[in-house]
Amino acid sequence: MTAPAHARTSADLIRAEEPVLAHNYHPLPVVVARAEGAWVEDVEGRRYLDMLAGYSALNFGHRHPALIQAAHDQLDRLTLTSRAFHNDRLAEFAERLAALTGLDMVLPMNTGAEAVESGIKVARKWAYDVKGVPDGQATIVVAADNFHGRTTTIVSFSTDESARAGFGPFTPGFKIVPYNDLAALEEAVDETTAAVLIEPIQGEAGVIIPDAGYLTGVRELTRRKGCLFVADEIQSGLGRTGRTLAVEHESVVPDVLLLGKALGGGIVPVSAVVARREVMGVLGPGEHGSTFGGNPLAAAVGTAVVGLLETGEFQRRADELGLVLREGLEALRGRGVTGFRARGLWAGVDVDPALGTGREISERLMREGILVKDTHGSTIRLAPPLTVTADELRSALGTLEKVLEQAG
């Protein structure tokens, strides 16, 4: 008989996964059983400071009281109707999310990849119905080193071979240009272009922040060329960079905004496409949908998330604590850290390859009670919950310093 999970060790549980769980992830060897705020605890009772926050899905920390309360209250009332019927939570969620982002209409979905796929469909439909692109000829321009998800259409325009290899044939209709290169973008956009789809900050690539003026340039170019600007803020949005949206650092408003991760508060998967009315208005009944998209539980949690952001508290925290993060990383430059990129509470940290790969550094930090995750090569990413304290941040950076010294 299989032992109950609470009676099994981390090693037991990791071994139990091997024969029955698909091997599409390579997690660190820690088995989390409980969590609160910025801290998690494994099955043996060891505590770790979570400096990853579910790739920004846990911007408000684990089990934020307001979000847990919203979920509990809704669980006692109604969880799912499908979109065959209206529910009493959806209108408020859509109204407040649209107001928060400065856009008009909301298409609720579940996962980030679904939001991207939905945004692609909306952009193509707009190109045919409004711009007048001949049917079947619409193109979308994207950036190299992007990460928008792993569905078959999305990996068709990825430049990461680990995401693409073995999954063709690929979906046509995409042009790839270098990130942060307005001249290349200008050359790629033509009369068939439905949209330019980019991440305002490339997270999976190592928290790559474009030059000042790049986002403004993308906005100006897309307006001038008569195509849409679609911003994927699934990781960068909802407070992470010290603003509600990363595009706000350049006062840019895209035509279409893709949200996910933190929108579900770390409780349920919630994503959304938010757009100008004249863009989203191209969708008619039956042309797109989701049984779970906009379900009452998701709408209740999503509304509570919007409520937390409406106060501006979390954006201010990310902005202020981001200074602590930058100062700490700057102190490590040349002492194991060869470079870093940071905005708000989000950083990509390049470690001297002689000291180890990103995976090896992550494992060493884990053994010291700090959870991070590598991206590529010797780069690790730091994205703690926005509830982290300055003292916790400094402690984590002190541990990184210790690990780098020991590796040297």
Protein backbone atom coordinates (compact mmCIF):
# COMPACT_ATOMS: atom_id res chain seq x y z
CA MET A 1 0.00 0.00 0.00
CA THR A 2 1.25 3.49 -0.83
CA ALA A 3 2.09 5.51 2.26
CA PRO A 4 0.13 8.75 2.72
CA ALA A 5 1.97 11.79 1.41
CA HIS A 6 2.42 13.28 4.88
CA ALA A 7 4.26 10.14 6.02
CA ARG A 8 6.68 10.02 3.09
CA THR A 9 10.02 11.79 2.85
CA SER A 10 11.07 14.14 0.08
CA ALA A 11 13.23 11.40 -1.40
CA ASP A 12 10.29 8.96 -1.31
CA LEU A 13 8.00 11.39 -3.09
CA ILE A 14 10.56 12.33 -5.74
CA ARG A 15 11.16 8.63 -6.49
CA ALA A 16 7.40 8.02 -6.64
CA GLU A 17 7.01 10.63 -9.37
CA GLU A 18 9.57 9.08 -11.71
CA PRO A 19 7.51 6.22 -13.22
CA VAL A 20 4.13 7.97 -13.33
CA LEU A 21 4.73 11.67 -14.06
CA ALA A 22 5.69 13.02 -17.49
CA HIS A 23 9.29 14.21 -17.54
CA ASN A 24 8.56 17.63 -19.02
CA TYR A 25 10.08 19.45 -16.02
CA HIS A 26 13.38 19.18 -14.19
CA PRO A 27 12.46 20.56 -10.76
CA LEU A 28 14.87 21.21 -7.95
CA PRO A 29 14.86 18.31 -5.45
CA VAL A 30 12.64 19.99 -2.85
CA VAL A 31 9.10 18.80 -2.06
CA VAL A 32 6.96 21.68 -0.82
CA ALA A 33 4.12 20.82 1.55
CA ARG A 34 3.09 24.15 3.11
CA ALA A 35 3.56 27.84 2.40
CA GLU A 36 2.68 31.29 3.64
CA GLY A 37 3.81 34.70 2.47
CA ALA A 38 7.32 34.49 1.04
CA TRP A 39 8.15 31.21 2.77
CA VAL A 40 7.59 27.55 1.93
CA GLU A 41 8.18 24.41 3.97
CA ASP A 42 9.06 20.94 2.75
CA VAL A 43 7.68 17.63 4.00
CA GLU A 44 10.48 17.36 6.56
CA GLY A 45 9.72 20.81 7.96
CA ARG A 46 12.67 22.66 6.41
CA ARG A 47 11.84 26.29 5.52
CA TYR A 48 12.91 28.11 2.37
CA LEU A 49 12.59 31.71 1.21
CA ASP A 50 10.79 31.59 -2.13
CA MET A 51 12.70 33.87 -4.50
CA LEU A 52 10.88 32.62 -7.61
CA ALA A 53 7.20 33.13 -6.71
CA GLY A 54 5.91 30.68 -9.29
CA TYR A 55 7.45 32.64 -12.18
CA SER A 56 5.40 35.67 -10.97
CA ALA A 57 2.19 33.69 -10.42
CA LEU A 58 2.63 34.36 -6.69
CA ASN A 59 3.22 38.11 -6.81
CA PHE A 60 1.12 38.53 -3.65
CA GLY A 61 2.82 35.69 -1.81
CA HIS A 62 1.53 32.27 -0.86
CA ARG A 63 -2.00 32.23 0.51
CA HIS A 64 -2.55 35.98 0.72
CA PRO A 65 -5.41 36.39 3.24
CA ALA A 66 -7.59 38.57 1.01
CA LEU A 67 -7.27 36.16 -1.90
CA ILE A 68 -7.84 33.06 0.21
CA GLN A 69 -10.92 34.70 1.73
CA ALA A 70 -12.30 35.55 -1.71
CA ALA A 71 -11.80 31.95 -2.83
CA HIS A 72 -13.38 30.50 0.33
CA ASP A 73 -16.39 32.80 0.07
CA GLN A 74 -16.94 31.88 -3.58
CA LEU A 75 -16.47 28.15 -2.97
CA ASP A 76 -19.47 28.30 -0.65
CA ARG A 77 -21.63 29.85 -3.37
CA LEU A 78 -20.81 28.85 -6.96
CA THR A 79 -17.73 27.62 -8.81
CA LEU A 80 -18.69 26.95 -12.44
CA THR A 81 -21.55 27.56 -14.84
CA SER A 82 -19.66 27.46 -18.18
CA ARG A 83 -20.19 30.44 -20.45
CA ALA A 84 -23.52 28.96 -21.57
CA PHE A 85 -24.96 31.14 -18.79
CA HIS A 86 -24.05 34.41 -17.13
CA ASN A 87 -22.62 34.41 -13.60
CA ASP A 88 -22.81 37.13 -11.01
CA ARG A 89 -19.02 37.63 -10.62
CA LEU A 90 -17.86 38.11 -14.19
CA ALA A 91 -19.06 41.64 -14.96
CA GLU A 92 -17.28 43.20 -11.99
CA PHE A 93 -14.06 41.33 -12.79
CA ALA A 94 -14.09 42.51 -16.41
CA GLU A 95 -15.04 46.10 -15.53
CA ARG A 96 -12.33 46.51 -12.91
CA LEU A 97 -9.60 44.76 -14.94
CA ALA A 98 -10.37 46.94 -17.96
CA ALA A 99 -10.23 50.06 -15.78
CA LEU A 100 -6.96 48.97 -14.16
CA THR A 101 -5.27 48.51 -17.54
CA GLY A 102 -6.79 51.51 -19.31
CA LEU A 103 -8.41 49.34 -21.99
CA ASP A 104 -12.02 48.51 -22.85
CA MET A 105 -12.92 44.83 -23.19
CA VAL A 106 -11.83 41.59 -21.53
CA LEU A 107 -11.69 38.04 -22.89
CA PRO A 108 -11.23 35.77 -19.84
CA MET A 109 -9.25 32.57 -20.28
CA ASN A 110 -7.32 30.22 -17.97
CA THR A 111 -3.62 29.87 -18.72
CA GLY A 112 -1.02 32.23 -20.11
CA ALA A 113 -0.60 30.16 -23.25
CA GLU A 114 -4.36 30.34 -23.82
CA ALA A 115 -4.19 34.12 -23.53
CA VAL A 116 -1.42 34.23 -26.16
CA GLU A 117 -3.29 31.88 -28.51
CA SER A 118 -6.44 33.96 -28.02
CA GLY A 119 -4.57 37.19 -28.68
CA ILE A 120 -3.22 35.74 -31.93
CA LYS A 121 -6.74 34.84 -33.04
CA VAL A 122 -8.09 38.28 -32.18
CA ALA A 123 -5.23 39.98 -34.05
CA ARG A 124 -5.74 37.85 -37.15
CA LYS A 125 -9.51 38.37 -37.14
CA TRP A 126 -8.96 42.13 -36.81
CA ALA A 127 -6.52 42.04 -39.73
CA TYR A 128 -9.09 40.40 -42.00
CA ASP A 129 -12.21 42.23 -40.84
CA VAL A 130 -10.80 45.71 -40.21
CA LYS A 131 -7.42 46.13 -41.91
CA GLY A 132 -8.47 44.21 -45.02
CA VAL A 133 -5.63 41.73 -45.24
CA PRO A 134 -6.54 38.99 -47.77
CA ASP A 135 -7.86 35.86 -46.06
CA GLY A 136 -5.14 33.50 -44.89
CA GLN A 137 -2.29 35.97 -45.42
CA ALA A 138 -2.07 37.75 -42.05
CA THR A 139 1.34 37.72 -40.38
CA ILE A 140 2.50 38.48 -36.85
CA VAL A 141 5.97 39.81 -36.07
CA VAL A 142 7.64 38.48 -32.93
CA ALA A 143 11.04 38.80 -31.25
CA ALA A 144 13.85 36.27 -31.09
CA ASP A 145 14.43 34.61 -27.71
CA ASN A 146 10.77 35.10 -26.86
CA PHE A 147 8.83 32.95 -24.45
CA HIS A 148 5.06 33.02 -24.90
CA GLY A 149 4.23 29.42 -23.97
CA ARG A 150 4.64 25.91 -25.32
CA THR A 151 1.56 25.11 -27.40
CA THR A 152 2.15 24.03 -31.00
CA THR A 153 1.37 27.43 -32.51
CA ILE A 154 3.50 29.27 -29.96
CA VAL A 155 6.57 27.05 -30.34
CA SER A 156 6.27 27.64 -34.08
CA PHE A 157 7.72 31.11 -33.51
CA SER A 158 10.11 30.22 -30.69
CA THR A 159 13.86 30.31 -31.25
CA ASP A 160 14.47 27.88 -28.38
CA GLU A 161 15.19 24.49 -29.93
CA SER A 162 14.38 22.66 -26.69
CA ALA A 163 10.82 23.94 -27.07
CA ARG A 164 10.62 23.25 -30.83
CA ALA A 165 12.57 20.09 -31.63
CA GLY A 166 10.31 17.16 -32.39
CA PHE A 167 7.05 19.13 -32.45
CA GLY A 168 6.69 20.15 -36.12
CA PRO A 169 5.18 20.76 -38.57
CA PHE A 170 4.97 24.35 -37.43
CA THR A 171 2.25 26.95 -37.83
CA PRO A 172 3.05 29.52 -40.54
CA GLY A 173 2.33 33.23 -40.41
CA PHE A 174 5.07 34.55 -38.10
CA LYS A 175 8.17 36.66 -38.73
CA ILE A 176 11.00 36.69 -36.18
CA VAL A 177 13.21 39.75 -35.69
CA PRO A 178 15.88 40.53 -33.08
CA TYR A 179 14.56 41.90 -29.80
CA ASN A 180 15.26 45.56 -29.03
CA ASP A 181 15.90 46.35 -32.71
CA LEU A 182 13.49 48.93 -34.12
CA ALA A 183 15.20 48.98 -37.53
CA ALA A 184 14.66 45.23 -37.98
CA LEU A 185 11.07 45.60 -36.84
CA GLU A 186 10.47 48.42 -39.32
CA GLU A 187 11.75 46.24 -42.15
CA ALA A 188 9.61 43.24 -41.16
CA VAL A 189 6.26 45.01 -40.85
CA ASP A 190 4.34 45.20 -44.12
CA GLU A 191 0.79 45.34 -45.43
CA THR A 192 0.10 41.77 -44.25
CA THR A 193 1.13 42.45 -40.64
CA ALA A 194 -1.72 41.99 -38.19
CA ALA A 195 0.33 42.65 -35.06
CA VAL A 196 3.68 42.97 -33.38
CA LEU A 197 3.73 40.60 -30.38
CA ILE A 198 6.46 41.18 -27.81
CA GLU A 199 7.26 40.88 -24.13
CA PRO A 200 8.07 44.33 -22.68
CA ILE A 201 10.74 42.47 -20.69
CA GLN A 202 11.85 39.02 -21.82
CA GLY A 203 11.64 36.90 -18.68
CA GLU A 204 12.63 33.40 -19.73
CA ALA A 205 15.50 34.77 -21.79
CA GLY A 206 17.08 36.09 -18.57
CA VAL A 207 15.06 39.22 -17.68
CA ILE A 208 16.19 41.11 -20.78
CA ILE A 209 15.21 44.78 -20.52
CA PRO A 210 15.10 46.72 -23.81
CA ASP A 211 16.74 50.09 -24.31
CA ALA A 212 14.85 53.17 -23.20
CA GLY A 213 12.58 54.24 -26.03
CA TYR A 214 12.15 50.78 -27.55
CA LEU A 215 8.57 50.29 -26.37
CA THR A 216 7.70 53.85 -27.37
CA GLY A 217 9.19 53.09 -30.77
CA VAL A 218 7.15 49.90 -31.13
CA ARG A 219 4.00 51.83 -30.28
CA GLU A 220 4.77 54.60 -32.79
CA LEU A 221 5.74 52.14 -35.52
CA THR A 222 2.62 49.99 -35.16
CA ARG A 223 0.37 53.06 -35.27
CA ARG A 224 2.16 54.43 -38.33
CA LYS A 225 2.11 51.08 -40.15
CA GLY A 226 -1.50 50.29 -39.27
CA CYS A 227 -1.06 47.14 -37.20
CA LEU A 228 -1.63 46.17 -33.58
CA PHE A 229 0.79 46.27 -30.66
CA VAL A 230 0.22 43.16 -28.54
CA ALA A 231 2.09 43.20 -25.22
CA ASP A 232 2.62 39.90 -23.41
CA GLU A 233 2.68 40.94 -19.74
CA ILE A 234 1.98 37.48 -18.36
CA GLN A 235 5.20 37.55 -16.32
CA SER A 236 6.04 41.25 -16.29
CA GLY A 237 2.61 42.59 -15.41
CA LEU A 238 0.52 43.11 -12.28
CA GLY A 239 3.05 44.86 -10.08
CA ARG A 240 6.22 42.87 -10.73
CA THR A 241 8.30 45.73 -12.17
CA GLY A 242 7.12 48.50 -9.86
CA ARG A 243 4.23 49.48 -12.12
CA THR A 244 0.93 47.78 -12.78
CA LEU A 245 2.28 46.98 -16.26
CA ALA A 246 5.85 47.04 -17.54
CA VAL A 247 4.80 49.15 -20.55
CA GLU A 248 3.97 51.94 -18.09
CA HIS A 249 7.70 52.60 -17.65
CA GLU A 250 7.42 54.32 -21.04
CA SER A 251 3.79 55.45 -20.67
CA VAL A 252 2.80 53.15 -23.52
CA VAL A 253 -0.71 51.71 -23.96
CA PRO A 254 -0.82 48.67 -26.30
CA ASP A 255 -3.83 47.73 -28.41
CA VAL A 256 -3.95 44.25 -26.86
CA LEU A 257 -2.65 43.16 -23.48
CA LEU A 258 -2.04 39.56 -22.43
CA LEU A 259 -2.25 38.78 -18.71
CA GLY A 260 -2.02 35.62 -16.61
CA LYS A 261 0.00 34.11 -13.76
CA ALA A 262 -0.50 36.64 -10.91
CA LEU A 263 -4.07 37.29 -12.07
CA GLY A 264 -5.04 34.02 -10.38
CA GLY A 265 -3.40 34.96 -7.10
CA GLY A 266 -1.57 31.64 -6.90
CA ILE A 267 -4.91 29.93 -6.28
CA VAL A 268 -6.53 29.16 -9.63
CA PRO A 269 -5.32 29.60 -13.22
CA VAL A 270 -6.70 32.89 -14.58
CA SER A 271 -5.64 34.71 -17.72
CA ALA A 272 -7.13 37.39 -19.90
CA VAL A 273 -6.83 39.22 -23.18
CA VAL A 274 -7.64 42.90 -22.63
CA ALA A 275 -8.03 45.13 -25.67
CA ARG A 276 -9.45 48.24 -27.25
CA ARG A 277 -13.13 47.86 -28.10
CA GLU A 278 -12.60 48.19 -31.85
CA VAL A 279 -10.13 45.28 -31.70
CA MET A 280 -11.91 42.88 -29.34
CA GLY A 281 -15.22 43.72 -31.00
CA VAL A 282 -14.31 41.56 -34.01
CA LEU A 283 -15.15 38.40 -32.06
CA GLY A 284 -18.66 37.03 -32.41
CA PRO A 285 -20.50 34.19 -30.63
CA GLY A 286 -18.99 30.78 -31.33
CA GLU A 287 -15.72 32.14 -32.75
CA HIS A 288 -13.77 31.58 -29.55
CA GLY A 289 -14.49 30.24 -26.11
CA SER A 290 -13.52 28.36 -22.97
CA THR A 291 -15.64 26.24 -20.64
CA PHE A 292 -13.68 27.42 -17.59
CA GLY A 293 -12.69 30.89 -18.80
CA GLY A 294 -14.40 33.50 -16.64
CA ASN A 295 -15.78 30.94 -14.19
CA PRO A 296 -17.16 32.42 -10.95
CA LEU A 297 -14.29 31.18 -8.76
CA ALA A 298 -11.69 32.59 -11.13
CA ALA A 299 -13.59 35.87 -11.43
CA ALA A 300 -13.87 36.20 -7.66
CA VAL A 301 -10.14 35.62 -7.14
CA GLY A 302 -9.24 37.81 -10.13
CA THR A 303 -11.39 40.64 -8.78
CA ALA A 304 -9.61 40.37 -5.42
CA VAL A 305 -6.25 40.54 -7.23
CA VAL A 306 -7.36 43.68 -9.06
CA GLY A 307 -8.45 45.09 -5.70
CA LEU A 308 -4.95 44.64 -4.29
CA LEU A 309 -3.44 46.41 -7.29
CA GLU A 310 -5.94 49.28 -7.27
CA THR A 311 -4.39 50.59 -4.05
CA GLY A 312 -0.93 50.89 -5.62
CA GLU A 313 0.66 49.34 -2.52
CA PHE A 314 2.26 46.41 -4.30
CA GLN A 315 3.57 48.50 -7.17
CA ARG A 316 5.23 50.82 -4.63
CA ARG A 317 6.70 47.88 -2.73
CA ALA A 318 8.21 46.42 -5.90
CA ASP A 319 9.64 49.78 -6.84
CA GLU A 320 11.15 50.51 -3.41
CA LEU A 321 12.39 46.99 -2.71
CA GLY A 322 13.78 46.84 -6.22
CA LEU A 323 16.37 49.37 -5.08
CA VAL A 324 17.42 46.99 -2.30
CA LEU A 325 17.70 44.18 -4.83
CA ARG A 326 19.77 46.26 -7.25
CA GLU A 327 22.09 47.52 -4.52
CA GLY A 328 22.71 44.00 -3.28
CA LEU A 329 23.43 42.67 -6.75
CA GLU A 330 25.68 45.62 -7.57
CA ALA A 331 27.75 44.76 -4.50
CA LEU A 332 28.27 41.26 -5.93
CA ARG A 333 29.39 42.45 -9.37
CA GLY A 334 32.91 41.16 -9.95
CA ARG A 335 32.59 38.84 -6.96
CA GLY A 336 30.96 35.93 -8.78
CA VAL A 337 28.31 37.99 -10.56
CA THR A 338 29.42 39.07 -14.02
CA GLY A 339 26.32 41.14 -14.72
CA PHE A 340 22.63 41.51 -13.99
CA ARG A 341 19.46 43.14 -15.27
CA ALA A 342 16.76 44.24 -12.83
CA ARG A 343 13.50 46.13 -12.83
CA GLY A 344 11.33 46.23 -9.74
CA LEU A 345 11.49 42.90 -7.92
CA TRP A 346 12.71 40.99 -10.95
CA ALA A 347 16.30 40.25 -11.91
CA GLY A 348 18.33 38.06 -14.19
CA VAL A 349 21.72 37.40 -12.62
CA ASP A 350 24.68 36.18 -14.67
CA VAL A 351 27.06 34.08 -12.60
CA ASP A 352 30.68 33.49 -13.59
CA PRO A 353 30.51 30.15 -15.51
CA ALA A 354 33.67 29.05 -13.72
CA LEU A 355 31.62 28.91 -10.50
CA GLY A 356 28.90 26.66 -11.91
CA THR A 357 25.87 26.48 -14.14
CA GLY A 358 22.65 28.22 -13.23
CA ARG A 359 21.26 24.86 -12.19
CA GLU A 360 24.22 24.15 -9.90
CA ILE A 361 23.98 27.59 -8.27
CA SER A 362 20.23 27.06 -7.76
CA GLU A 363 20.84 23.72 -6.06
CA ARG A 364 23.47 25.23 -3.76
CA LEU A 365 21.11 28.04 -2.81
CA MET A 366 18.35 25.51 -2.17
CA ARG A 367 20.58 23.70 0.31
CA GLU A 368 21.03 27.04 2.09
CA GLY A 369 17.26 27.67 2.25
CA ILE A 370 16.79 29.94 -0.78
CA LEU A 371 14.71 28.89 -3.81
CA VAL A 372 15.57 30.33 -7.21
CA LYS A 373 15.57 28.87 -10.72
CA ASP A 374 18.02 29.01 -13.58
CA THR A 375 17.18 30.22 -17.07
CA HIS A 376 20.00 29.51 -19.52
CA GLY A 377 23.67 28.75 -18.99
CA SER A 378 24.89 30.36 -15.78
CA THR A 379 21.99 32.79 -15.38
CA ILE A 380 19.53 32.61 -12.48
CA ARG A 381 16.37 34.63 -12.07
CA LEU A 382 15.14 36.31 -8.91
CA ALA A 383 11.45 37.14 -8.62
CA PRO A 384 10.36 37.06 -4.97
CA PRO A 385 6.77 37.70 -3.91
CA LEU A 386 6.03 41.40 -3.65
CA THR A 387 5.31 40.74 0.05
CA VAL A 388 8.99 40.00 0.74
CA THR A 389 10.67 42.31 3.26
CA ALA A 390 13.88 44.27 2.85
CA ASP A 391 15.51 42.12 5.53
CA GLU A 392 14.50 38.93 3.74
CA LEU A 393 15.90 40.27 0.48
CA ARG A 394 19.20 41.20 2.11
CA SER A 395 19.37 37.76 3.74
CA ALA A 396 18.83 36.05 0.37
CA LEU A 397 21.51 38.20 -1.25
CA GLY A 398 23.85 37.40 1.63
CA THR A 399 23.26 33.72 1.02
CA LEU A 400 24.00 34.20 -2.70
CA GLU A 401 27.27 35.91 -1.72
CA LYS A 402 28.14 32.96 0.55
CA VAL A 403 27.39 30.41 -2.16
CA LEU A 404 29.49 32.27 -4.72
CA GLU A 405 32.41 32.57 -2.29
CA GLN A 406 32.26 28.85 -1.54
CA ALA A 407 32.13 28.03 -5.26
CA GLY A 408 35.22 30.15 -5.86
